[in-house]
PDB file of N, CA and C in Angstrom:
ATOM      1  N   MET A   1     -22.116   7.012   0.356  1.00  0.00           N
ATOM      2  CA  MET A   1     -22.242   5.845   0.077  1.00  0.00           C
ATOM      3  C   MET A   1     -21.300   4.692  -0.080  1.00  0.00           C
ATOM      4  N   VAL A   2     -22.146   3.541   0.246  1.00  0.00           N
ATOM      5  CA  VAL A   2     -21.134   2.125   0.200  1.00  0.00           C
ATOM      6  C   VAL A   2     -22.340   1.417  -0.429  1.00  0.00           C
ATOM      7  N   VAL A   3     -21.870   0.880  -1.347  1.00  0.00           N
ATOM      8  CA  VAL A   3     -22.980   0.003  -2.383  1.00  0.00           C
ATOM      9  C   VAL A   3     -21.879  -1.353  -2.641  1.00  0.00           C
ATOM     10  N   LYS A   4     -22.524  -2.270  -2.345  1.00  0.00           N
ATOM     11  CA  LYS A   4     -21.896  -3.862  -2.700  1.00  0.00           C
ATOM     12  C   LYS A   4     -22.079  -4.189  -3.831  1.00  0.00           C
ATOM     13  N   GLU A   5     -20.840  -4.446  -4.413  1.00  0.00           N
ATOM     14  CA  GLU A   5     -21.067  -4.981  -5.841  1.00  0.00           C
ATOM     15  C   GLU A   5     -21.879  -6.563  -6.258  1.00  0.00           C
ATOM     16  N   PRO A   6     -23.238  -7.090  -6.998  1.00  0.00           N
ATOM     17  CA  PRO A   6     -23.383  -8.044  -7.032  1.00  0.00           C
ATOM     18  C   PRO A   6     -22.507  -9.084  -7.117  1.00  0.00           C
ATOM     19  N   ASN A   7     -22.419 -10.178  -6.820  1.00  0.00           N
ATOM     20  CA  ASN A   7     -21.703 -11.254  -6.838  1.00  0.00           C
ATOM     21  C   ASN A   7     -20.073 -10.995  -6.577  1.00  0.00           C
ATOM     22  N   ARG A   8     -19.816 -10.007  -5.915  1.00  0.00           N
ATOM     23  CA  ARG A   8     -18.288  -9.694  -5.330  1.00  0.00           C
ATOM     24  C   ARG A   8     -18.341  -9.527  -3.992  1.00  0.00           C
ATOM     25  N   SER A   9     -17.349  -9.407  -3.635  1.00  0.00           N
ATOM     26  CA  SER A   9     -17.127  -9.163  -2.159  1.00  0.00           C
ATOM     27  C   SER A   9     -16.382  -7.813  -2.114  1.00  0.00           C
ATOM     28  N   ASN A  10     -16.233  -7.194  -2.841  1.00  0.00           N
ATOM     29  CA  ASN A  10     -15.572  -5.439  -2.946  1.00  0.00           C
ATOM     30  C   ASN A  10     -16.946  -4.683  -2.723  1.00  0.00           C
ATOM     31  N   GLN A  11     -16.515  -3.561  -2.007  1.00  0.00           N
ATOM     32  CA  GLN A  11     -17.416  -2.638  -1.957  1.00  0.00           C
ATOM     33  C   GLN A  11     -17.175  -1.679  -2.803  1.00  0.00           C
ATOM     34  N   ILE A  12     -18.251  -0.686  -3.519  1.00  0.00           N
ATOM     35  CA  ILE A  12     -18.401   0.214  -4.308  1.00  0.00           C
ATOM     36  C   ILE A  12     -18.459   1.466  -3.436  1.00  0.00           C
ATOM     37  N   VAL A  13     -17.168   2.320  -2.979  1.00  0.00           N
ATOM     38  CA  VAL A  13     -17.351   3.477  -2.080  1.00  0.00           C
ATOM     39  C   VAL A  13     -17.300   4.506  -2.858  1.00  0.00           C
ATOM     40  N   VAL A  14     -18.522   5.530  -2.777  1.00  0.00           N
ATOM     41  CA  VAL A  14     -18.831   6.846  -3.277  1.00  0.00           C
ATOM     42  C   VAL A  14     -19.057   7.760  -2.209  1.00  0.00           C
ATOM     43  N   VAL A  15     -18.083   8.880  -2.295  1.00  0.00           N
ATOM     44  CA  VAL A  15     -18.079   9.740  -1.168  1.00  0.00           C
ATOM     45  C   VAL A  15     -18.460  11.309  -1.859  1.00  0.00           C
ATOM     46  N   GLN A  16     -19.531  12.257  -1.209  1.00  0.00           N
ATOM     47  CA  GLN A  16     -19.557  13.462  -1.386  1.00  0.00           C
ATOM     48  C   GLN A  16     -18.384  14.363  -1.219  1.00  0.00           C
ATOM     49  N   LYS A  17     -17.805  14.405  -0.547  1.00  0.00           N
ATOM     50  CA  LYS A  17     -16.672  15.231  -0.047  1.00  0.00           C
ATOM     51  C   LYS A  17     -15.515  14.826  -0.511  1.00  0.00           C
ATOM     52  N   ALA A  18     -14.439  15.300  -1.014  1.00  0.00           N
ATOM     53  CA  ALA A  18     -13.217  15.046  -1.612  1.00  0.00           C
ATOM     54  C   ALA A  18     -12.189  14.533  -0.545  1.00  0.00           C
ATOM     55  N   PRO A  19     -11.530  13.343  -0.391  1.00  0.00           N
ATOM     56  CA  PRO A  19     -10.274  13.232  -0.022  1.00  0.00           C
ATOM     57  C   PRO A  19      -9.286  14.205   0.043  1.00  0.00           C
ATOM     58  N   PRO A  20      -8.756  14.072   1.648  1.00  0.00           N
ATOM     59  CA  PRO A  20      -7.690  14.926   1.815  1.00  0.00           C
ATOM     60  C   PRO A  20      -6.480  14.678   0.992  1.00  0.00           C
ATOM     61  N   ALA A  21      -5.591  15.685   0.418  1.00  0.00           N
ATOM     62  CA  ALA A  21      -4.036  15.379   0.161  1.00  0.00           C
ATOM     63  C   ALA A  21      -3.928  14.390   0.621  1.00  0.00           C
ATOM     64  N   PRO A  22      -2.836  13.271  -0.018  1.00  0.00           N
ATOM     65  CA  PRO A  22      -2.466  12.284   0.599  1.00  0.00           C
ATOM     66  C   PRO A  22      -1.049  12.766   1.506  1.00  0.00           C
ATOM     67  N   LYS A  23      -0.685  12.097   2.678  1.00  0.00           N
ATOM     68  CA  LYS A  23      -0.169  12.402   3.566  1.00  0.00           C
ATOM     69  C   LYS A  23       1.563  12.404   3.079  1.00  0.00           C
ATOM     70  N   VAL A  24       2.702  13.129   3.483  1.00  0.00           N
ATOM     71  CA  VAL A  24       3.600  12.612   3.014  1.00  0.00           C
ATOM     72  C   VAL A  24       4.394  12.110   4.424  1.00  0.00           C
ATOM     73  N   VAL A  25       5.030  10.944   3.983  1.00  0.00           N
ATOM     74  CA  VAL A  25       5.583  10.002   4.839  1.00  0.00           C
ATOM     75  C   VAL A  25       6.503   9.455   4.438  1.00  0.00           C
ATOM     76  N   LYS A  26       7.469   8.921   5.249  1.00  0.00           N
ATOM     77  CA  LYS A  26       8.665   8.282   4.913  1.00  0.00           C
ATOM     78  C   LYS A  26       8.791   6.900   4.651  1.00  0.00           C
ATOM     79  N   VAL A  27       8.911   6.689   3.476  1.00  0.00           N
ATOM     80  CA  VAL A  27       8.752   5.008   2.849  1.00  0.00           C
ATOM     81  C   VAL A  27       9.581   4.046   3.381  1.00  0.00           C
ATOM     82  N   LYS A  28       9.127   3.285   4.058  1.00  0.00           N
ATOM     83  CA  LYS A  28       9.730   1.786   4.598  1.00  0.00           C
ATOM     84  C   LYS A  28      10.482   1.038   3.853  1.00  0.00           C
ATOM     85  N   ARG A  29      11.884   0.878   3.704  1.00  0.00           N
ATOM     86  CA  ARG A  29      12.240   0.131   3.073  1.00  0.00           C
ATOM     87  C   ARG A  29      11.893  -1.332   3.230  1.00  0.00           C
ATOM     88  N   CYS A  30      11.615  -1.908   2.252  1.00  0.00           N
ATOM     89  CA  CYS A  30      10.961  -3.571   2.357  1.00  0.00           C
ATOM     90  C   CYS A  30      12.627  -4.203   1.909  1.00  0.00           C
ATOM     91  N   GLY A  31      12.221  -5.826   2.306  1.00  0.00           N
ATOM     92  CA  GLY A  31      13.292  -6.595   1.909  1.00  0.00           C
ATOM     93  C   GLY A  31      13.236  -6.555   0.071  1.00  0.00           C
ATOM     94  N   PRO A  32      13.944  -7.223  -0.280  1.00  0.00           N
ATOM     95  CA  PRO A  32      13.869  -7.698  -1.473  1.00  0.00           C
ATOM     96  C   PRO A  32      12.877  -8.728  -2.285  1.00  0.00           C
ATOM     97  N   LYS A  33      12.429  -9.044  -1.246  1.00  0.00           N
ATOM     98  CA  LYS A  33      10.967 -10.024  -1.525  1.00  0.00           C
ATOM     99  C   LYS A  33      10.006  -9.411  -1.468  1.00  0.00           C
ATOM    100  N   LYS A  34       9.908  -8.371  -1.222  1.00  0.00           N
ATOM    101  CA  LYS A  34       8.585  -7.219  -0.779  1.00  0.00           C
ATOM    102  C   LYS A  34       8.719  -6.195  -1.196  1.00  0.00           C
ATOM    103  N   VAL A  35       7.231  -5.352  -1.431  1.00  0.00           N
ATOM    104  CA  VAL A  35       6.981  -4.151  -2.496  1.00  0.00           C
ATOM    105  C   VAL A  35       6.472  -3.124  -1.379  1.00  0.00           C
ATOM    106  N   TRP A  36       6.507  -1.814  -1.417  1.00  0.00           N
ATOM    107  CA  TRP A  36       5.958  -0.964  -0.505  1.00  0.00           C
ATOM    108  C   TRP A  36       4.604  -0.557  -1.044  1.00  0.00           C
ATOM    109  N   ILE A  37       3.336  -0.552  -0.199  1.00  0.00           N
ATOM    110  CA  ILE A  37       2.278  -0.532  -0.522  1.00  0.00           C
ATOM    111  C   ILE A  37       1.910   0.673   0.329  1.00  0.00           C
ATOM    112  N   LYS A  38       1.757   1.755  -0.490  1.00  0.00           N
ATOM    113  CA  LYS A  38       1.664   3.302  -0.153  1.00  0.00           C
ATOM    114  C   LYS A  38       0.349   3.365   0.526  1.00  0.00           C
ATOM    115  N   GLY A  39       0.450   4.270   1.658  1.00  0.00           N
ATOM    116  CA  GLY A  39      -1.225   4.159   2.484  1.00  0.00           C
ATOM    117  C   GLY A  39      -1.770   5.556   1.435  1.00  0.00           C
ATOM    118  N   HIS A  40      -3.362   5.245   2.103  1.00  0.00           N
ATOM    119  CA  HIS A  40      -4.067   6.220   1.549  1.00  0.00           C
ATOM    120  C   HIS A  40      -5.429   6.961   2.246  1.00  0.00           C
ATOM    121  N   TRP A  41      -6.284   7.569   2.040  1.00  0.00           N
ATOM    122  CA  TRP A  41      -7.101   7.757   2.807  1.00  0.00           C
ATOM    123  C   TRP A  41      -8.395   6.912   2.500  1.00  0.00           C
ATOM    124  N   LYS A  42      -8.907   6.735   3.523  1.00  0.00           N
ATOM    125  CA  LYS A  42     -10.360   5.851   3.386  1.00  0.00           C
ATOM    126  C   LYS A  42     -11.385   6.183   4.048  1.00  0.00           C
ATOM    127  N   TRP A  43     -12.553   6.161   3.750  1.00  0.00           N
ATOM    128  CA  TRP A  43     -13.681   6.331   4.287  1.00  0.00           C
ATOM    129  C   TRP A  43     -14.038   5.510   5.264  1.00  0.00           C
ATOM    130  N   ASN A  44     -14.809   5.794   6.391  1.00  0.00           N
ATOM    131  CA  ASN A  44     -15.191   4.983   7.355  1.00  0.00           C
ATOM    132  C   ASN A  44     -16.863   5.183   7.465  1.00  0.00           C
ATOM    133  N   GLY A  45     -17.468   5.674   6.575  1.00  0.00           N
ATOM    134  CA  GLY A  45     -18.808   5.826   6.867  1.00  0.00           C
ATOM    135  C   GLY A  45     -19.113   7.103   7.226  1.00  0.00           C
ATOM    136  N   ARG A  46     -18.215   8.169   7.815  1.00  0.00           N
ATOM    137  CA  ARG A  46     -18.496   9.472   8.686  1.00  0.00           C
ATOM    138  C   ARG A  46     -17.319  10.388   8.230  1.00  0.00           C
ATOM    139  N   LYS A  47     -15.958   9.845   7.836  1.00  0.00           N
ATOM    140  CA  LYS A  47     -14.857  10.906   7.486  1.00  0.00           C
ATOM    141  C   LYS A  47     -14.077  10.065   7.064  1.00  0.00           C
ATOM    142  N   TYR A  48     -13.176  10.643   6.574  1.00  0.00           N
ATOM    143  CA  TYR A  48     -11.729   9.985   5.754  1.00  0.00           C
ATOM    144  C   TYR A  48     -10.762   9.647   7.127  1.00  0.00           C
ATOM    145  N   VAL A  49     -10.094   8.530   7.136  1.00  0.00           N
ATOM    146  CA  VAL A  49      -9.106   8.143   8.181  1.00  0.00           C
ATOM    147  C   VAL A  49      -7.786   7.465   7.203  1.00  0.00           C
ATOM    148  N   TRP A  50      -6.583   8.073   7.776  1.00  0.00           N
ATOM    149  CA  TRP A  50      -5.530   7.463   7.048  1.00  0.00           C
ATOM    150  C   TRP A  50      -5.006   6.084   7.154  1.00  0.00           C
ATOM    151  N   LYS A  51      -4.870   5.210   6.154  1.00  0.00           N
ATOM    152  CA  LYS A  51      -4.441   4.077   6.333  1.00  0.00           C
ATOM    153  C   LYS A  51      -3.043   3.698   5.844  1.00  0.00           C
ATOM    154  N   ASN A  52      -2.320   3.600   6.878  1.00  0.00           N
ATOM    155  CA  ASN A  52      -0.825   3.538   7.058  1.00  0.00           C
ATOM    156  C   ASN A  52      -0.303   2.616   5.560  1.00  0.00           C
ATOM    157  N   GLY A  53       0.712   3.008   4.930  1.00  0.00           N
ATOM    158  CA  GLY A  53       1.323   1.981   4.140  1.00  0.00           C
ATOM    159  C   GLY A  53       1.926   0.724   4.995  1.00  0.00           C
ATOM    160  N   HIS A  54       2.724   0.185   3.953  1.00  0.00           N
ATOM    161  CA  HIS A  54       3.076  -1.559   4.426  1.00  0.00           C
ATOM    162  C   HIS A  54       3.811  -1.993   3.603  1.00  0.00           C
ATOM    163  N   CYS A  55       4.503  -3.219   3.427  1.00  0.00           N
ATOM    164  CA  CYS A  55       5.418  -4.037   2.928  1.00  0.00           C
ATOM    165  C   CYS A  55       4.805  -5.209   2.759  1.00  0.00           C
ATOM    166  N   ASP A  56       4.363  -5.747   1.649  1.00  0.00           N
ATOM    167  CA  ASP A  56       3.656  -7.015   1.198  1.00  0.00           C
ATOM    168  C   ASP A  56       4.823  -7.863   0.358  1.00  0.00           C
ATOM    169  N   ARG A  57       4.341  -9.211   0.571  1.00  0.00           N
ATOM    170  CA  ARG A  57       5.098  -9.905  -0.148  1.00  0.00           C
ATOM    171  C   ARG A  57       4.767  -9.857  -2.079  1.00  0.00           C
ATOM    172  N   LYS A  58       6.037  -9.897  -2.515  1.00  0.00           N
ATOM    173  CA  LYS A  58       6.003  -9.338  -4.026  1.00  0.00           C
ATOM    174  C   LYS A  58       5.174 -10.901  -4.454  1.00  0.00           C
ATOM    175  N   ARG A  59       4.421 -10.878  -5.773  1.00  0.00           N
ATOM    176  CA  ARG A  59       3.951 -11.602  -6.287  1.00  0.00           C
ATOM    177  C   ARG A  59       4.667 -12.200  -7.894  1.00  0.00           C
ATOM    178  N   LYS A  60       4.995 -13.407  -8.155  1.00  0.00           N
ATOM    179  CA  LYS A  60       5.703 -13.578  -9.302  1.00  0.00           C
ATOM    180  C   LYS A  60       4.880 -13.230 -10.491  1.00  0.00           C
ATOM    181  N   GLY A  61       5.807 -12.501 -11.529  1.00  0.00           N
ATOM    182  CA  GLY A  61       5.160 -12.213 -12.515  1.00  0.00           C
ATOM    183  C   GLY A  61       3.654 -10.921 -12.637  1.00  0.00           C
ATOM    184  N   LYS A  62       4.126 -10.261 -11.106  1.00  0.00           N
ATOM    185  CA  LYS A  62       2.901  -9.206 -10.910  1.00  0.00           C
ATOM    186  C   LYS A  62       3.760  -8.120 -10.459  1.00  0.00           C
ATOM    187  N   SER A  63       2.456  -6.928 -10.739  1.00  0.00           N
ATOM    188  CA  SER A  63       3.126  -5.666 -10.336  1.00  0.00           C
ATOM    189  C   SER A  63       2.246  -5.156  -9.503  1.00  0.00           C
ATOM    190  N   TRP A  64       2.209  -3.747  -8.288  1.00  0.00           N
ATOM    191  CA  TRP A  64       1.119  -3.517  -7.503  1.00  0.00           C
ATOM    192  C   TRP A  64       0.218  -2.241  -8.569  1.00  0.00           C
ATOM    193  N   ALA A  65      -1.022  -2.224  -8.223  1.00  0.00           N
ATOM    194  CA  ALA A  65      -1.343  -0.848  -9.030  1.00  0.00           C
ATOM    195  C   ALA A  65      -2.175  -0.406  -7.526  1.00  0.00           C
ATOM    196  N   SER A  66      -1.459   0.869  -7.069  1.00  0.00           N
ATOM    197  CA  SER A  66      -2.486   1.443  -6.224  1.00  0.00           C
ATOM    198  C   SER A  66      -3.520   1.726  -6.338  1.00  0.00           C
ATOM    199  N   GLY A  67      -4.038   1.966  -4.728  1.00  0.00           N
ATOM    200  CA  GLY A  67      -5.649   2.332  -4.896  1.00  0.00           C
ATOM    201  C   GLY A  67      -5.675   3.816  -5.105  1.00  0.00           C
ATOM    202  N   HIS A  68      -6.811   4.177  -5.674  1.00  0.00           N
ATOM    203  CA  HIS A  68      -6.919   6.078  -5.828  1.00  0.00           C
ATOM    204  C   HIS A  68      -8.341   6.258  -5.875  1.00  0.00           C
ATOM    205  N   TRP A  69      -8.658   7.528  -5.545  1.00  0.00           N
ATOM    206  CA  TRP A  69     -10.184   8.248  -5.957  1.00  0.00           C
ATOM    207  C   TRP A  69     -10.079   8.878  -7.009  1.00  0.00           C
ATOM    208  N   ASN A  70     -11.349   8.821  -7.683  1.00  0.00           N
ATOM    209  CA  ASN A  70     -11.450   9.420  -8.710  1.00  0.00           C
ATOM    210  C   ASN A  70     -12.793  10.343  -8.715  1.00  0.00           C
ATOM    211  N   LYS A  71     -12.714  11.607  -9.289  1.00  0.00           N
ATOM    212  CA  LYS A  71     -13.778  12.441  -9.227  1.00  0.00           C
ATOM    213  C   LYS A  71     -14.894  12.057 -10.275  1.00  0.00           C
ATOM    214  N   THR A  72     -15.780  11.550  -9.928  1.00  0.00           N
ATOM    215  CA  THR A  72     -17.418  11.334 -10.812  1.00  0.00           C
ATOM    216  C   THR A  72     -18.365  12.083 -10.695  1.00  0.00           C
ATOM    217  N   SER A  73     -19.328  12.128 -11.770  1.00  0.00           N
ATOM    218  CA  SER A  73     -20.748  13.065 -11.645  1.00  0.00           C
ATOM    219  C   SER A  73     -21.339  12.529  -9.956  1.00  0.00           C
ATOM    220  N   ASN A  74     -21.141  11.203  -9.534  1.00  0.00           N
ATOM    221  CA  ASN A  74     -21.541  11.183  -8.405  1.00  0.00           C
ATOM    222  C   ASN A  74     -20.972  11.269  -6.982  1.00  0.00           C
ATOM    223  N   GLY A  75     -19.856  11.958  -7.133  1.00  0.00           N
ATOM    224  CA  GLY A  75     -18.855  12.072  -6.131  1.00  0.00           C
ATOM    225  C   GLY A  75     -17.659  11.374  -6.335  1.00  0.00           C
ATOM    226  N   TYR A  76     -16.676  11.008  -5.151  1.00  0.00           N
ATOM    227  CA  TYR A  76     -15.495  10.716  -4.816  1.00  0.00           C
ATOM    228  C   TYR A  76     -15.687   9.185  -5.074  1.00  0.00           C
ATOM    229  N   LYS A  77     -15.101   8.333  -5.911  1.00  0.00           N
ATOM    230  CA  LYS A  77     -15.668   7.076  -6.065  1.00  0.00           C
ATOM    231  C   LYS A  77     -13.774   6.357  -5.831  1.00  0.00           C
ATOM    232  N   TRP A  78     -13.655   5.390  -4.703  1.00  0.00           N
ATOM    233  CA  TRP A  78     -12.409   4.586  -4.412  1.00  0.00           C
ATOM    234  C   TRP A  78     -12.225   3.402  -5.556  1.00  0.00           C
ATOM    235  N   ASN A  79     -10.977   3.341  -5.639  1.00  0.00           N
ATOM    236  CA  ASN A  79     -10.871   2.446  -6.705  1.00  0.00           C
ATOM    237  C   ASN A  79      -9.777   1.303  -5.948  1.00  0.00           C
ATOM    238  N   SER A  80     -10.034   0.292  -5.693  1.00  0.00           N
ATOM    239  CA  SER A  80      -8.938  -0.321  -4.692  1.00  0.00           C
ATOM    240  C   SER A  80      -7.672  -0.818  -5.727  1.00  0.00           C
ATOM    241  N   GLY A  81      -6.629  -0.715  -4.479  1.00  0.00           N
ATOM    242  CA  GLY A  81      -5.362  -1.293  -5.204  1.00  0.00           C
ATOM    243  C   GLY A  81      -5.719  -2.939  -5.625  1.00  0.00           C
ATOM    244  N   HIS A  82      -4.692  -3.146  -6.218  1.00  0.00           N
ATOM    245  CA  HIS A  82      -4.539  -4.522  -6.683  1.00  0.00           C
ATOM    246  C   HIS A  82      -3.591  -5.128  -7.622  1.00  0.00           C
ATOM    247  N   TRP A  83      -3.107  -6.219  -7.822  1.00  0.00           N
ATOM    248  CA  TRP A  83      -1.881  -7.039  -8.355  1.00  0.00           C
ATOM    249  C   TRP A  83      -2.391  -7.296  -9.799  1.00  0.00           C
ATOM    250  N   ARG A  84      -1.719  -6.797 -10.595  1.00  0.00           N
ATOM    251  CA  ARG A  84      -2.084  -6.924 -11.919  1.00  0.00           C
ATOM    252  C   ARG A  84      -0.737  -7.840 -12.792  1.00  0.00           C
TER     253      ARG A  84
END
């Protein structure tokens, strides 16, 4: 189930089936002005697909909070990664 939040561009994704365990991957070395954003399982509406990690430009005074799946009473809910 995918629900769009009112007044936001983000979607709330809740899936009845648990996501697979994260893949074990070799982390790419990023330059000094970049940070590694780890890969994760994404729901495409029918099944989970792996989204590869990547390097992203660091944001001054910010740190990256990785996205993750949470088990809820309605299923598994995706919480998007974000800068904080």
